[in-house]
């Protein structure tokens, strides 16, 4: 997911994009900040039984720039991941 966050946060959605290789090198700068599972007892259902992942770059974390977090919704029900700013 680090690579996914790095690419989409720079507007790259295609692996054939000329920026892909350069951006991929910095994917390791992304850190998982929070992971939230669906919980039936708590009434939290993310796309049926999905997971929420909040990602942030190391620099933004150090700067407490939490407004720069990216949310990834991952679900087998949707058979995909979504990135949300």
Protein backbone atom coordinates (compact mmCIF):
# COMPACT_ATOMS: atom_id res chain seq x y z
CA UNK A 1 0.00 0.00 0.00
CA UNK A 2 2.97 2.31 0.45
CA UNK A 3 3.52 2.38 -3.30
CA UNK A 4 -0.17 2.92 -3.92
CA UNK A 5 -0.20 5.94 -1.58
CA UNK A 6 2.96 7.38 -3.12
CA UNK A 7 1.67 7.12 -6.66
CA UNK A 8 -1.89 8.30 -6.19
CA UNK A 9 -0.85 11.20 -3.95
CA UNK A 10 1.16 12.45 -6.93
CA UNK A 11 -1.66 11.88 -9.41
CA UNK A 12 -0.16 8.74 -10.96
CA UNK A 13 -2.65 5.95 -11.65
CA UNK A 14 -0.88 4.13 -14.47
CA UNK A 15 2.27 2.00 -14.12
CA UNK A 16 3.29 3.21 -17.58
CA UNK A 17 3.44 6.81 -16.36
CA UNK A 18 6.93 8.30 -16.89
CA UNK A 19 7.00 9.41 -13.23
CA UNK A 20 6.39 5.88 -11.93
CA UNK A 21 10.00 4.78 -11.35
CA UNK A 22 11.11 7.99 -9.68
CA UNK A 23 8.09 8.08 -7.38
CA UNK A 24 8.31 4.38 -6.51
CA UNK A 25 11.73 4.95 -4.94
CA UNK A 26 10.16 7.13 -2.24
CA UNK A 27 7.31 4.77 -1.38
CA UNK A 28 9.20 3.63 1.72
CA UNK A 29 8.58 7.09 3.22
CA UNK A 30 4.94 6.21 3.87
CA UNK A 31 3.95 4.88 7.29
CA UNK A 32 0.77 3.23 8.46
CA UNK A 33 -0.74 5.58 11.05
CA UNK A 34 -3.97 3.76 11.91
CA UNK A 35 -5.74 0.57 10.85
CA UNK A 36 -9.44 0.11 11.60
CA UNK A 37 -11.21 -3.21 11.06
CA UNK A 38 -14.93 -3.65 10.52
CA UNK A 39 -16.61 -4.55 13.81
CA UNK A 40 -20.16 -5.85 13.81
CA UNK A 41 -20.65 -5.30 17.54
CA UNK A 42 -19.58 -1.66 17.24
CA UNK A 43 -21.73 -1.17 14.13
CA UNK A 44 -18.73 -0.33 11.94
CA UNK A 45 -18.90 -1.89 8.48
CA UNK A 46 -16.47 -0.62 5.89
CA UNK A 47 -17.80 -1.83 2.53
CA UNK A 48 -19.26 -4.92 4.19
CA UNK A 49 -16.22 -6.40 5.96
CA UNK A 50 -13.45 -4.08 4.87
CA UNK A 51 -10.53 -2.36 6.55
CA UNK A 52 -9.57 1.30 6.77
CA UNK A 53 -5.89 2.20 6.61
CA UNK A 54 -4.66 5.73 7.33
CA UNK A 55 -1.26 6.45 5.77
CA UNK A 56 1.09 9.42 6.20
CA UNK A 57 4.59 10.25 5.08
CA UNK A 58 7.36 10.30 7.68
CA UNK A 59 7.92 14.02 7.10
CA UNK A 60 4.23 14.84 7.57
CA UNK A 61 4.09 12.71 10.71
CA UNK A 62 7.09 14.54 12.20
CA UNK A 63 5.47 17.88 11.31
CA UNK A 64 2.13 16.74 12.78
CA UNK A 65 0.57 17.52 9.39
CA UNK A 66 -2.25 15.03 9.82
CA UNK A 67 -4.31 16.84 7.20
CA UNK A 68 -2.01 15.16 4.67
CA UNK A 69 -3.09 11.63 5.62
CA UNK A 70 -4.49 9.33 2.98
CA UNK A 71 -7.23 6.83 3.68
CA UNK A 72 -7.25 3.45 1.95
CA UNK A 73 -10.46 1.43 2.05
CA UNK A 74 -9.79 -2.21 1.27
CA UNK A 75 -12.55 -4.79 0.97
CA UNK A 76 -12.93 -8.24 -0.52
CA UNK A 77 -16.56 -7.33 -1.15
CA UNK A 78 -15.44 -4.57 -3.50
CA UNK A 79 -12.43 -6.61 -4.66
CA UNK A 80 -10.41 -3.41 -4.74
CA UNK A 81 -8.82 -0.63 -2.72
CA UNK A 82 -9.80 3.01 -2.73
CA UNK A 83 -7.65 5.93 -1.75
CA UNK A 84 -9.37 8.92 -0.24
CA UNK A 85 -7.71 12.20 0.60
